[in-house]
N, C-alpha and C. Protein backbone atom coordinates (compact mmCIF):
# COMPACT_ATOMS: atom_id res chain seq x y z
N MET A 1 0.84 -1.17 0.00
CA MET A 1 0.00 0.00 0.00
C MET A 1 0.90 1.24 0.00
N PRO A 2 0.64 2.24 -0.90
CA PRO A 2 1.49 3.42 -0.94
C PRO A 2 1.32 4.29 0.29
N MET A 3 2.41 4.93 0.69
CA MET A 3 2.38 5.80 1.87
C MET A 3 1.78 7.14 1.47
N THR A 4 0.88 7.67 2.28
CA THR A 4 0.31 8.99 2.02
C THR A 4 1.22 10.05 2.60
N SER A 5 0.95 11.29 2.23
CA SER A 5 1.82 12.37 2.72
C SER A 5 1.73 12.52 4.23
N VAL A 6 0.65 12.04 4.85
CA VAL A 6 0.53 12.12 6.30
C VAL A 6 1.61 11.28 6.97
N GLY A 7 1.99 10.16 6.35
CA GLY A 7 2.97 9.27 6.94
C GLY A 7 4.41 9.62 6.62
N LEU A 8 4.63 10.60 5.79
CA LEU A 8 5.99 10.96 5.42
C LEU A 8 6.60 11.92 6.43
N SER A 9 7.89 11.80 6.62
CA SER A 9 8.58 12.75 7.49
C SER A 9 8.71 14.08 6.76
N PRO A 10 8.93 15.21 7.48
CA PRO A 10 9.10 16.49 6.80
C PRO A 10 10.21 16.45 5.76
N LYS A 11 11.28 15.69 6.03
CA LYS A 11 12.38 15.59 5.07
C LYS A 11 11.90 14.96 3.77
N ASP A 12 11.01 13.94 3.86
CA ASP A 12 10.51 13.27 2.68
C ASP A 12 9.56 14.14 1.88
N LYS A 13 8.92 15.12 2.51
CA LYS A 13 7.98 16.00 1.83
C LYS A 13 8.67 17.14 1.09
N ARG A 14 9.94 17.41 1.39
CA ARG A 14 10.64 18.54 0.81
C ARG A 14 10.78 18.40 -0.69
N LYS A 15 10.61 19.53 -1.37
CA LYS A 15 10.81 19.56 -2.82
C LYS A 15 12.16 20.15 -3.17
N ALA A 16 12.78 20.87 -2.25
CA ALA A 16 14.06 21.53 -2.51
C ALA A 16 15.12 21.02 -1.55
N GLU A 17 16.33 20.85 -2.07
CA GLU A 17 17.44 20.38 -1.24
C GLU A 17 17.85 21.46 -0.24
N ARG A 18 18.11 21.05 1.00
CA ARG A 18 18.55 21.99 2.03
C ARG A 18 20.07 21.96 2.12
N TYR A 19 20.64 23.15 2.39
CA TYR A 19 22.08 23.30 2.53
C TYR A 19 22.38 23.84 3.90
N ASP A 20 23.31 23.20 4.61
CA ASP A 20 23.73 23.71 5.92
C ASP A 20 24.34 25.08 5.71
N LEU A 21 23.75 26.07 6.33
CA LEU A 21 24.26 27.43 6.20
C LEU A 21 23.74 28.25 7.36
N GLU A 22 24.67 28.83 8.11
CA GLU A 22 24.27 29.73 9.18
C GLU A 22 24.39 31.15 8.67
N VAL A 23 23.26 31.82 8.56
CA VAL A 23 23.21 33.24 8.21
C VAL A 23 22.36 33.95 9.24
N VAL A 24 22.56 35.24 9.36
CA VAL A 24 21.74 36.05 10.26
C VAL A 24 20.43 36.35 9.54
N VAL A 25 19.32 35.98 10.16
CA VAL A 25 18.00 36.21 9.56
C VAL A 25 17.27 37.24 10.41
N HIS A 26 16.85 38.31 9.76
CA HIS A 26 16.06 39.36 10.43
C HIS A 26 14.60 39.05 10.20
N VAL A 27 13.84 38.94 11.28
CA VAL A 27 12.43 38.60 11.24
C VAL A 27 11.64 39.77 11.81
N ASP A 28 10.62 40.22 11.07
CA ASP A 28 9.75 41.30 11.52
C ASP A 28 8.48 40.69 12.09
N ARG A 29 8.37 40.71 13.42
CA ARG A 29 7.18 40.18 14.09
C ARG A 29 6.40 41.35 14.66
N ALA A 30 5.36 41.75 13.94
CA ALA A 30 4.49 42.85 14.36
C ALA A 30 5.28 44.12 14.64
N GLY A 31 6.22 44.44 13.76
CA GLY A 31 7.01 45.65 13.90
C GLY A 31 8.24 45.53 14.78
N VAL A 32 8.46 44.37 15.36
CA VAL A 32 9.64 44.15 16.21
C VAL A 32 10.65 43.31 15.41
N ASP A 33 11.86 43.85 15.23
CA ASP A 33 12.91 43.15 14.49
C ASP A 33 13.61 42.16 15.41
N MET A 34 13.54 40.89 15.06
CA MET A 34 14.23 39.84 15.81
C MET A 34 15.31 39.28 14.92
N VAL A 35 16.40 38.85 15.52
CA VAL A 35 17.51 38.29 14.76
C VAL A 35 17.72 36.86 15.22
N TRP A 36 17.53 35.93 14.29
CA TRP A 36 17.71 34.51 14.57
C TRP A 36 18.66 33.92 13.54
N PRO A 37 19.59 33.06 13.94
CA PRO A 37 20.47 32.41 12.96
C PRO A 37 19.75 31.23 12.30
N SER A 38 20.14 30.98 11.06
CA SER A 38 19.59 29.81 10.36
C SER A 38 20.44 28.59 10.67
N GLU A 39 19.83 27.44 10.56
CA GLU A 39 20.54 26.15 10.64
C GLU A 39 20.83 25.65 9.23
N ASP A 40 19.88 25.88 8.33
CA ASP A 40 20.02 25.50 6.94
C ASP A 40 19.05 26.35 6.12
N VAL A 41 19.20 26.25 4.79
CA VAL A 41 18.35 27.02 3.89
C VAL A 41 18.12 26.23 2.61
N SER A 42 16.95 26.42 2.03
CA SER A 42 16.64 25.84 0.72
C SER A 42 15.80 26.86 -0.04
N ALA A 43 15.50 26.55 -1.28
CA ALA A 43 14.65 27.44 -2.07
C ALA A 43 13.23 27.47 -1.53
N GLY A 44 12.86 26.52 -0.69
CA GLY A 44 11.51 26.46 -0.14
C GLY A 44 11.37 26.98 1.28
N GLY A 45 12.49 27.12 2.00
CA GLY A 45 12.40 27.58 3.38
C GLY A 45 13.70 27.42 4.12
N MET A 46 13.62 27.45 5.44
CA MET A 46 14.82 27.35 6.27
C MET A 46 14.46 26.92 7.68
N ARG A 47 15.47 26.45 8.40
CA ARG A 47 15.33 26.18 9.83
C ARG A 47 15.99 27.31 10.57
N LEU A 48 15.30 27.83 11.60
CA LEU A 48 15.83 28.92 12.40
C LEU A 48 16.05 28.46 13.83
N ARG A 49 17.10 28.97 14.45
CA ARG A 49 17.45 28.64 15.84
C ARG A 49 17.05 29.82 16.73
N ILE A 50 16.24 29.53 17.74
CA ILE A 50 15.72 30.58 18.62
C ILE A 50 16.18 30.28 20.03
N GLU A 51 16.98 31.17 20.58
CA GLU A 51 17.58 30.96 21.89
C GLU A 51 16.67 31.36 23.05
N VAL A 52 15.82 32.36 22.85
CA VAL A 52 14.97 32.89 23.93
C VAL A 52 13.58 32.27 23.82
N GLU A 53 13.21 31.52 24.85
CA GLU A 53 11.95 30.77 24.83
C GLU A 53 10.74 31.65 24.56
N SER A 54 10.73 32.85 25.12
CA SER A 54 9.56 33.73 24.94
C SER A 54 9.45 34.27 23.51
N ASP A 55 10.50 34.12 22.70
CA ASP A 55 10.49 34.57 21.31
C ASP A 55 9.96 33.52 20.33
N VAL A 56 9.74 32.29 20.80
CA VAL A 56 9.36 31.20 19.90
C VAL A 56 7.97 31.48 19.31
N PRO A 57 7.88 31.52 17.96
CA PRO A 57 6.59 31.78 17.33
C PRO A 57 5.73 30.52 17.28
N PRO A 58 4.42 30.67 17.27
CA PRO A 58 3.56 29.50 17.16
C PRO A 58 3.50 29.01 15.71
N VAL A 59 3.19 27.74 15.54
CA VAL A 59 2.98 27.18 14.21
C VAL A 59 1.86 27.97 13.53
N GLY A 60 2.10 28.34 12.28
CA GLY A 60 1.11 29.10 11.52
C GLY A 60 1.38 30.59 11.47
N GLU A 61 2.24 31.09 12.36
CA GLU A 61 2.54 32.53 12.33
C GLU A 61 3.26 32.87 11.03
N ARG A 62 2.89 34.01 10.44
CA ARG A 62 3.54 34.50 9.22
C ARG A 62 4.26 35.80 9.53
N PHE A 63 5.39 36.01 8.87
CA PHE A 63 6.15 37.24 9.06
C PHE A 63 7.06 37.49 7.87
N SER A 64 7.54 38.73 7.79
CA SER A 64 8.52 39.11 6.79
C SER A 64 9.90 38.79 7.34
N LEU A 65 10.81 38.43 6.45
CA LEU A 65 12.18 38.16 6.87
C LEU A 65 13.14 38.55 5.76
N TYR A 66 14.38 38.78 6.16
CA TYR A 66 15.42 38.99 5.15
C TYR A 66 16.75 38.46 5.67
N PHE A 67 17.61 38.07 4.71
CA PHE A 67 18.92 37.52 5.04
C PHE A 67 19.82 37.67 3.82
N SER A 68 21.12 37.60 4.04
CA SER A 68 22.09 37.73 2.95
C SER A 68 22.65 36.37 2.58
N LEU A 69 22.99 36.22 1.30
CA LEU A 69 23.64 35.02 0.79
C LEU A 69 24.98 35.40 0.19
N PRO A 70 25.97 34.51 0.22
CA PRO A 70 27.31 34.84 -0.26
C PRO A 70 27.38 35.35 -1.71
N LEU A 71 26.54 34.88 -2.61
CA LEU A 71 26.65 35.24 -4.01
C LEU A 71 25.79 36.44 -4.42
N LEU A 72 25.06 37.01 -3.48
CA LEU A 72 24.15 38.12 -3.81
C LEU A 72 24.59 39.40 -3.13
N SER A 73 24.47 40.51 -3.85
CA SER A 73 24.82 41.81 -3.27
C SER A 73 23.67 42.40 -2.45
N GLU A 74 22.45 41.99 -2.74
CA GLU A 74 21.28 42.47 -2.00
C GLU A 74 20.69 41.34 -1.17
N PRO A 75 20.09 41.67 -0.02
CA PRO A 75 19.49 40.60 0.80
C PRO A 75 18.27 39.97 0.15
N VAL A 76 18.03 38.73 0.50
CA VAL A 76 16.81 38.02 0.11
C VAL A 76 15.71 38.50 1.03
N ARG A 77 14.60 38.94 0.47
CA ARG A 77 13.44 39.38 1.24
C ARG A 77 12.28 38.47 0.89
N ALA A 78 11.62 37.93 1.92
CA ALA A 78 10.54 36.98 1.68
C ALA A 78 9.53 37.04 2.81
N GLN A 79 8.42 36.40 2.59
CA GLN A 79 7.43 36.16 3.62
C GLN A 79 7.58 34.70 4.01
N GLY A 80 7.43 34.40 5.28
CA GLY A 80 7.56 33.02 5.75
C GLY A 80 6.45 32.64 6.69
N GLU A 81 6.22 31.34 6.79
CA GLU A 81 5.23 30.80 7.73
C GLU A 81 5.88 29.70 8.55
N VAL A 82 5.65 29.72 9.85
CA VAL A 82 6.17 28.68 10.74
C VAL A 82 5.38 27.40 10.48
N ARG A 83 6.08 26.34 10.06
CA ARG A 83 5.43 25.08 9.73
C ARG A 83 5.55 24.06 10.87
N TRP A 84 6.62 24.16 11.67
CA TRP A 84 6.79 23.26 12.81
C TRP A 84 7.75 23.90 13.80
N VAL A 85 7.65 23.46 15.05
CA VAL A 85 8.53 23.94 16.12
C VAL A 85 9.03 22.73 16.90
N ASP A 86 10.33 22.66 17.10
CA ASP A 86 10.95 21.60 17.89
C ASP A 86 11.51 22.25 19.15
N ALA A 87 10.70 22.20 20.23
CA ALA A 87 11.08 22.86 21.48
C ALA A 87 12.30 22.18 22.07
N GLY A 88 13.19 22.97 22.58
CA GLY A 88 14.41 22.46 23.19
C GLY A 88 15.27 23.63 23.58
N SER A 89 16.54 23.35 23.73
CA SER A 89 17.47 24.41 24.09
C SER A 89 18.67 24.31 23.15
N PRO A 90 18.69 24.99 22.04
CA PRO A 90 17.72 26.00 21.60
C PRO A 90 16.52 25.37 20.90
N THR A 91 15.51 26.17 20.69
CA THR A 91 14.34 25.75 19.92
C THR A 91 14.64 25.95 18.44
N ILE A 92 14.23 25.00 17.63
CA ILE A 92 14.41 25.06 16.18
C ILE A 92 13.01 25.13 15.57
N CYS A 93 12.82 26.01 14.59
CA CYS A 93 11.53 26.03 13.90
C CYS A 93 11.76 26.01 12.39
N GLY A 94 10.84 25.37 11.71
CA GLY A 94 10.88 25.27 10.26
C GLY A 94 10.03 26.35 9.64
N ILE A 95 10.63 27.10 8.73
CA ILE A 95 9.95 28.19 8.05
C ILE A 95 9.79 27.82 6.58
N GLN A 96 8.59 27.97 6.08
CA GLN A 96 8.33 27.79 4.65
C GLN A 96 8.15 29.17 4.04
N PHE A 97 8.86 29.44 2.93
CA PHE A 97 8.65 30.71 2.25
C PHE A 97 7.27 30.68 1.62
N THR A 98 6.49 31.73 1.87
CA THR A 98 5.13 31.79 1.32
C THR A 98 5.06 32.70 0.11
N THR A 99 6.15 33.38 -0.19
CA THR A 99 6.26 34.13 -1.44
C THR A 99 7.35 33.46 -2.25
N GLY A 100 7.18 33.43 -3.53
CA GLY A 100 8.19 32.83 -4.39
C GLY A 100 9.45 33.67 -4.40
N LEU A 101 10.59 33.01 -4.32
CA LEU A 101 11.86 33.71 -4.42
C LEU A 101 12.13 34.05 -5.88
N ARG A 102 12.91 35.10 -6.09
CA ARG A 102 13.29 35.47 -7.45
C ARG A 102 14.29 34.45 -7.99
N ALA A 103 14.38 34.37 -9.29
CA ALA A 103 15.25 33.37 -9.94
C ALA A 103 16.69 33.48 -9.46
N ARG A 104 17.22 34.68 -9.31
CA ARG A 104 18.62 34.81 -8.88
C ARG A 104 18.81 34.34 -7.44
N GLU A 105 17.77 34.47 -6.60
CA GLU A 105 17.85 33.99 -5.21
C GLU A 105 17.85 32.46 -5.17
N VAL A 106 17.00 31.84 -5.97
CA VAL A 106 16.99 30.37 -6.07
C VAL A 106 18.34 29.88 -6.59
N TRP A 107 18.88 30.56 -7.61
CA TRP A 107 20.18 30.20 -8.17
C TRP A 107 21.25 30.27 -7.08
N ALA A 108 21.27 31.36 -6.30
CA ALA A 108 22.28 31.53 -5.24
C ALA A 108 22.16 30.45 -4.18
N ILE A 109 20.96 30.07 -3.82
CA ILE A 109 20.76 29.00 -2.84
C ILE A 109 21.26 27.67 -3.40
N ASN A 110 20.91 27.39 -4.65
CA ASN A 110 21.32 26.12 -5.26
C ASN A 110 22.82 26.04 -5.53
N ARG A 111 23.52 27.16 -5.51
CA ARG A 111 24.97 27.18 -5.68
C ARG A 111 25.72 27.03 -4.36
N LEU A 112 25.02 26.99 -3.23
CA LEU A 112 25.69 26.91 -1.93
C LEU A 112 26.57 25.68 -1.79
N HIS A 113 26.16 24.56 -2.35
CA HIS A 113 26.96 23.34 -2.21
C HIS A 113 28.29 23.43 -2.91
N THR A 114 28.46 24.31 -3.86
CA THR A 114 29.73 24.41 -4.59
C THR A 114 30.70 25.36 -3.90
N ARG A 115 30.25 26.07 -2.86
CA ARG A 115 31.09 27.08 -2.20
C ARG A 115 31.72 26.54 -0.91
N ARG A 116 31.66 25.25 -0.63
CA ARG A 116 32.22 24.71 0.61
C ARG A 116 33.68 24.39 0.46
């Protein structure tokens, strides 16, 4: 019997390859600028590390964010939605980009594996 998407792990559901990359991500939460480092990034989203427990966003929260990539002169600006939260010390949350990235941003992300 084929496995449905409910039974797949988040890794199995991904359409874009993730690259280990720590960048400073600026998140605008209701006018408050928060700075969280990334754990990894892909053309579809990223994992963010949140050190302060009171800053952890709930699943479903949407916000604007921006971050820089090595091959781009301008920061990537996107909208994101919290898809999952893994509480711990630190807390890790999965962000899905809800706006499409521009072609040059996708290109820069997909080139990350060649810059190691």
